[in-house]
Amino acid sequence: MAKVRGVRFTEQEEALIEEFLHKNPFFDFSTLAKVAILEFVKKPELNFTAVSKKSKKEVKDARPN
């Protein structure tokens, strides 16, 4: 039996999803989510960007006035 799962999206994420679905009417949200998740599970690839060792506060304080 199928299992229903929930995901929360920010307003920006939701807007991107809605834009994609509008431009690709052959997809509905459920199909898009299923395809994306299964493709990631089969071939998990992530690209990360390193974060500097300074905190945001330190970086902000380092700016000249």
N, C-alpha and C. Protein backbone atom coordinates (compact mmCIF):
# COMPACT_ATOMS: atom_id res chain seq x y z
N MET A 1 0.84 -1.18 0.00
CA MET A 1 0.00 0.00 0.00
C MET A 1 0.88 1.24 0.00
N ALA A 2 0.48 2.27 -0.72
CA ALA A 2 1.24 3.52 -0.81
C ALA A 2 1.18 4.27 0.51
N LYS A 3 2.22 5.04 0.77
CA LYS A 3 2.32 5.82 1.99
C LYS A 3 2.37 7.30 1.63
N VAL A 4 1.55 8.11 2.26
CA VAL A 4 1.53 9.55 2.01
C VAL A 4 2.55 10.21 2.94
N ARG A 5 3.35 11.13 2.37
CA ARG A 5 4.33 11.85 3.17
C ARG A 5 4.17 13.34 2.92
N GLY A 6 4.54 14.14 3.88
CA GLY A 6 4.40 15.59 3.74
C GLY A 6 5.74 16.29 3.71
N VAL A 7 5.78 17.41 3.01
CA VAL A 7 6.99 18.23 2.92
C VAL A 7 6.56 19.68 3.04
N ARG A 8 7.32 20.48 3.79
CA ARG A 8 7.04 21.91 3.91
C ARG A 8 7.99 22.68 3.01
N PHE A 9 7.47 23.68 2.32
CA PHE A 9 8.27 24.53 1.45
C PHE A 9 8.13 25.98 1.88
N THR A 10 9.20 26.74 1.71
CA THR A 10 9.12 28.18 1.95
C THR A 10 8.30 28.81 0.83
N GLU A 11 7.93 30.06 0.99
CA GLU A 11 7.17 30.75 -0.05
C GLU A 11 7.97 30.81 -1.35
N GLN A 12 9.28 31.03 -1.24
CA GLN A 12 10.13 31.10 -2.44
C GLN A 12 10.20 29.74 -3.13
N GLU A 13 10.35 28.68 -2.36
CA GLU A 13 10.38 27.33 -2.93
C GLU A 13 9.06 27.01 -3.60
N GLU A 14 7.97 27.35 -2.94
CA GLU A 14 6.63 27.09 -3.48
C GLU A 14 6.44 27.84 -4.80
N ALA A 15 6.92 29.09 -4.87
CA ALA A 15 6.80 29.87 -6.09
C ALA A 15 7.58 29.21 -7.24
N LEU A 16 8.78 28.72 -6.95
CA LEU A 16 9.58 28.04 -7.98
C LEU A 16 8.89 26.77 -8.47
N ILE A 17 8.32 26.03 -7.56
CA ILE A 17 7.61 24.80 -7.91
C ILE A 17 6.40 25.13 -8.78
N GLU A 18 5.62 26.12 -8.37
CA GLU A 18 4.44 26.51 -9.14
C GLU A 18 4.82 27.01 -10.53
N GLU A 19 5.91 27.76 -10.63
CA GLU A 19 6.38 28.23 -11.93
C GLU A 19 6.75 27.05 -12.83
N PHE A 20 7.48 26.08 -12.26
CA PHE A 20 7.85 24.89 -13.02
C PHE A 20 6.61 24.14 -13.50
N LEU A 21 5.66 23.93 -12.60
CA LEU A 21 4.45 23.18 -12.95
C LEU A 21 3.63 23.92 -14.01
N HIS A 22 3.62 25.24 -13.93
CA HIS A 22 2.90 26.02 -14.94
C HIS A 22 3.55 25.88 -16.31
N LYS A 23 4.88 25.86 -16.34
CA LYS A 23 5.62 25.75 -17.61
C LYS A 23 5.65 24.31 -18.13
N ASN A 24 5.36 23.35 -17.27
CA ASN A 24 5.40 21.93 -17.63
C ASN A 24 4.09 21.26 -17.21
N PRO A 25 3.01 21.53 -17.94
CA PRO A 25 1.69 21.06 -17.50
C PRO A 25 1.51 19.54 -17.54
N PHE A 26 2.44 18.81 -18.14
CA PHE A 26 2.34 17.36 -18.15
C PHE A 26 2.72 16.76 -16.80
N PHE A 27 3.27 17.57 -15.89
CA PHE A 27 3.60 17.14 -14.53
C PHE A 27 2.54 17.66 -13.57
N ASP A 28 2.21 16.87 -12.57
CA ASP A 28 1.51 17.41 -11.42
C ASP A 28 2.50 17.34 -10.25
N PHE A 29 2.15 17.93 -9.13
CA PHE A 29 3.11 17.99 -8.02
C PHE A 29 3.54 16.61 -7.56
N SER A 30 2.60 15.70 -7.44
CA SER A 30 2.90 14.36 -6.95
C SER A 30 3.90 13.65 -7.86
N THR A 31 3.68 13.75 -9.16
CA THR A 31 4.59 13.11 -10.12
C THR A 31 5.97 13.75 -10.06
N LEU A 32 6.00 15.09 -10.02
CA LEU A 32 7.28 15.81 -9.92
C LEU A 32 8.06 15.37 -8.68
N ALA A 33 7.39 15.32 -7.54
CA ALA A 33 8.05 14.92 -6.29
C ALA A 33 8.55 13.49 -6.38
N LYS A 34 7.73 12.59 -6.90
CA LYS A 34 8.11 11.18 -7.00
C LYS A 34 9.33 11.00 -7.90
N VAL A 35 9.30 11.65 -9.08
CA VAL A 35 10.41 11.54 -10.02
C VAL A 35 11.69 12.11 -9.40
N ALA A 36 11.59 13.29 -8.80
CA ALA A 36 12.77 13.94 -8.21
C ALA A 36 13.37 13.09 -7.09
N ILE A 37 12.55 12.58 -6.21
CA ILE A 37 13.05 11.79 -5.09
C ILE A 37 13.67 10.48 -5.57
N LEU A 38 12.98 9.78 -6.46
CA LEU A 38 13.50 8.50 -6.94
C LEU A 38 14.80 8.68 -7.72
N GLU A 39 14.90 9.74 -8.54
CA GLU A 39 16.14 10.00 -9.26
C GLU A 39 17.28 10.30 -8.29
N PHE A 40 17.00 11.07 -7.23
CA PHE A 40 18.03 11.37 -6.25
C PHE A 40 18.47 10.11 -5.51
N VAL A 41 17.53 9.26 -5.16
CA VAL A 41 17.86 8.02 -4.45
C VAL A 41 18.72 7.12 -5.32
N LYS A 42 18.42 7.07 -6.62
CA LYS A 42 19.21 6.24 -7.54
C LYS A 42 20.59 6.82 -7.80
N LYS A 43 20.68 8.13 -7.85
CA LYS A 43 21.95 8.79 -8.19
C LYS A 43 22.11 10.03 -7.31
N PRO A 44 22.47 9.84 -6.04
CA PRO A 44 22.57 10.98 -5.12
C PRO A 44 23.80 11.85 -5.40
N GLU A 45 23.54 13.02 -5.88
CA GLU A 45 24.61 13.98 -6.14
C GLU A 45 24.24 15.32 -5.53
N LEU A 46 25.12 15.87 -4.75
CA LEU A 46 24.93 17.19 -4.16
C LEU A 46 26.19 18.01 -4.38
N ASN A 47 26.01 19.28 -4.64
CA ASN A 47 27.13 20.21 -4.74
C ASN A 47 27.01 21.21 -3.60
N PHE A 48 28.02 21.24 -2.76
CA PHE A 48 28.00 22.12 -1.61
C PHE A 48 28.98 23.27 -1.80
N THR A 49 28.66 24.40 -1.21
CA THR A 49 29.55 25.54 -1.20
C THR A 49 30.08 25.69 0.21
N ALA A 50 31.39 25.80 0.30
CA ALA A 50 32.01 25.93 1.62
C ALA A 50 31.61 27.26 2.27
N VAL A 51 31.56 27.26 3.58
CA VAL A 51 31.26 28.46 4.35
C VAL A 51 32.55 28.90 5.01
N SER A 52 32.78 30.21 5.06
CA SER A 52 34.00 30.68 5.70
C SER A 52 33.95 30.37 7.18
N LYS A 53 35.10 30.38 7.83
CA LYS A 53 35.16 30.07 9.25
C LYS A 53 34.62 31.22 10.10
N LYS A 54 34.53 32.43 9.52
CA LYS A 54 34.00 33.57 10.25
C LYS A 54 32.48 33.47 10.30
N SER A 55 31.92 33.87 11.43
CA SER A 55 30.47 33.88 11.53
C SER A 55 29.92 35.08 10.77
N LYS A 56 28.62 35.09 10.54
CA LYS A 56 28.00 36.21 9.85
C LYS A 56 28.22 37.51 10.62
N LYS A 57 28.17 37.43 11.93
CA LYS A 57 28.37 38.61 12.76
C LYS A 57 29.79 39.14 12.58
N GLU A 58 30.77 38.26 12.56
CA GLU A 58 32.16 38.70 12.38
C GLU A 58 32.36 39.32 11.01
N VAL A 59 31.76 38.74 10.00
CA VAL A 59 31.89 39.29 8.65
C VAL A 59 31.23 40.66 8.61
N LYS A 60 30.04 40.78 9.21
CA LYS A 60 29.33 42.05 9.21
C LYS A 60 30.13 43.11 9.95
N ASP A 61 30.72 42.77 11.09
CA ASP A 61 31.50 43.71 11.88
C ASP A 61 32.78 44.13 11.18
N ALA A 62 33.25 43.32 10.26
CA ALA A 62 34.52 43.63 9.58
C ALA A 62 34.35 44.69 8.51
N ARG A 63 33.13 45.01 8.14
CA ARG A 63 32.91 46.01 7.11
C ARG A 63 33.21 47.41 7.64
N PRO A 64 33.82 48.24 6.80
CA PRO A 64 34.08 49.62 7.24
C PRO A 64 32.79 50.41 7.35
N ASN A 65 32.76 51.37 8.23
CA ASN A 65 31.56 52.20 8.42
C ASN A 65 31.52 53.32 7.40
